[in-house]
Amino acid sequence: MTGEKKKTKHAKPLTPAKRSRLSFFSDAITELRKAHWPTRQEALRLSLLVLIICVVLGAFLGAVDYGFTKFFVNLVLGG
């Protein structure tokens, strides 16, 4: 064995097997069953949080827009 190189077997590249087009749906259902689903209370709490953040951010952006509009009208158009 001296001087001889051992041949190593290389793994064949993985190729996607031909599958049915409808297998996507069964795979999707399988993955959805693995997902962590929030409880009704968690979903309600998180939805309210998103709603509150949207309202606050909308009010802030509306106020900034109103301020810039007034500033632009007074500065450029002269009042």
Protein backbone atom coordinates (compact mmCIF):
# COMPACT_ATOMS: atom_id res chain seq x y z
CA MET A 1 0.00 0.00 0.00
CA THR A 2 2.94 2.27 0.09
CA GLY A 3 2.86 4.78 -2.71
CA GLU A 4 -0.73 3.92 -3.65
CA LYS A 5 -3.39 6.56 -3.35
CA LYS A 6 -6.67 5.54 -1.92
CA LYS A 7 -9.57 6.44 -4.11
CA THR A 8 -12.23 8.39 -2.29
CA LYS A 9 -15.80 8.17 -3.37
CA HIS A 10 -17.38 11.51 -4.06
CA ALA A 11 -21.01 11.98 -3.27
CA LYS A 12 -23.18 12.50 -6.28
CA PRO A 13 -24.82 15.93 -6.44
CA LEU A 14 -28.38 15.88 -5.24
CA THR A 15 -30.85 16.33 -8.03
CA PRO A 16 -34.49 17.03 -7.40
CA ALA A 17 -36.56 13.96 -7.99
CA LYS A 18 -39.42 14.21 -10.42
CA ARG A 19 -42.47 14.82 -8.32
CA SER A 20 -46.07 15.48 -8.96
CA ARG A 21 -47.10 19.11 -9.26
CA LEU A 22 -49.73 18.51 -6.61
CA SER A 23 -47.14 17.33 -4.09
CA PHE A 24 -46.47 21.02 -3.35
CA PHE A 25 -49.81 21.23 -1.57
CA SER A 26 -49.23 18.17 0.58
CA ASP A 27 -45.75 19.48 1.46
CA ALA A 28 -47.20 22.88 2.33
CA ILE A 29 -49.81 21.31 4.61
CA THR A 30 -47.10 19.24 6.30
CA GLU A 31 -45.01 22.36 6.96
CA LEU A 32 -48.03 24.30 8.24
CA ARG A 33 -48.71 21.56 10.77
CA LYS A 34 -45.15 21.97 12.09
CA ALA A 35 -45.59 25.73 12.59
CA HIS A 36 -46.22 27.30 15.97
CA TRP A 37 -49.69 28.82 15.90
CA PRO A 38 -50.51 31.56 18.41
CA THR A 39 -53.40 31.17 20.80
CA ARG A 40 -56.47 33.34 20.34
CA GLN A 41 -55.32 35.59 23.18
CA GLU A 42 -51.83 36.00 21.67
CA ALA A 43 -53.27 36.78 18.24
CA LEU A 44 -55.65 39.38 19.70
CA ARG A 45 -52.91 41.03 21.76
CA LEU A 46 -50.48 41.19 18.83
CA SER A 47 -53.17 42.47 16.47
CA LEU A 48 -54.05 45.26 18.90
CA LEU A 49 -50.37 46.13 19.21
CA VAL A 50 -50.04 46.41 15.43
CA LEU A 51 -53.19 48.54 15.23
CA ILE A 52 -51.95 50.91 17.95
CA ILE A 53 -48.54 51.28 16.29
CA CYS A 54 -50.20 51.99 12.93
CA VAL A 55 -52.44 54.67 14.42
CA VAL A 56 -49.57 56.35 16.30
CA LEU A 57 -47.26 56.24 13.30
CA GLY A 58 -50.01 57.49 11.00
CA ALA A 59 -50.75 60.42 13.33
CA PHE A 60 -47.04 61.27 13.54
CA LEU A 61 -46.55 61.16 9.77
CA GLY A 62 -49.76 63.17 9.26
CA ALA A 63 -48.50 65.85 11.65
CA VAL A 64 -45.11 65.99 9.94
CA ASP A 65 -46.80 66.23 6.54
CA TYR A 66 -49.11 69.01 7.77
CA GLY A 67 -46.13 70.90 9.22
CA PHE A 68 -44.11 70.64 6.01
CA THR A 69 -47.12 71.70 3.96
CA LYS A 70 -47.66 74.81 6.11
CA PHE A 71 -43.92 75.56 6.04
CA PHE A 72 -43.78 75.19 2.24
CA VAL A 73 -46.86 77.36 1.70
CA ASN A 74 -45.52 80.13 3.96
CA LEU A 75 -41.95 80.00 2.63
CA VAL A 76 -42.49 79.60 -1.10
CA LEU A 77 -45.91 81.01 -1.77
CA GLY A 78 -45.69 83.78 0.80
CA GLY A 79 -48.61 82.95 2.92
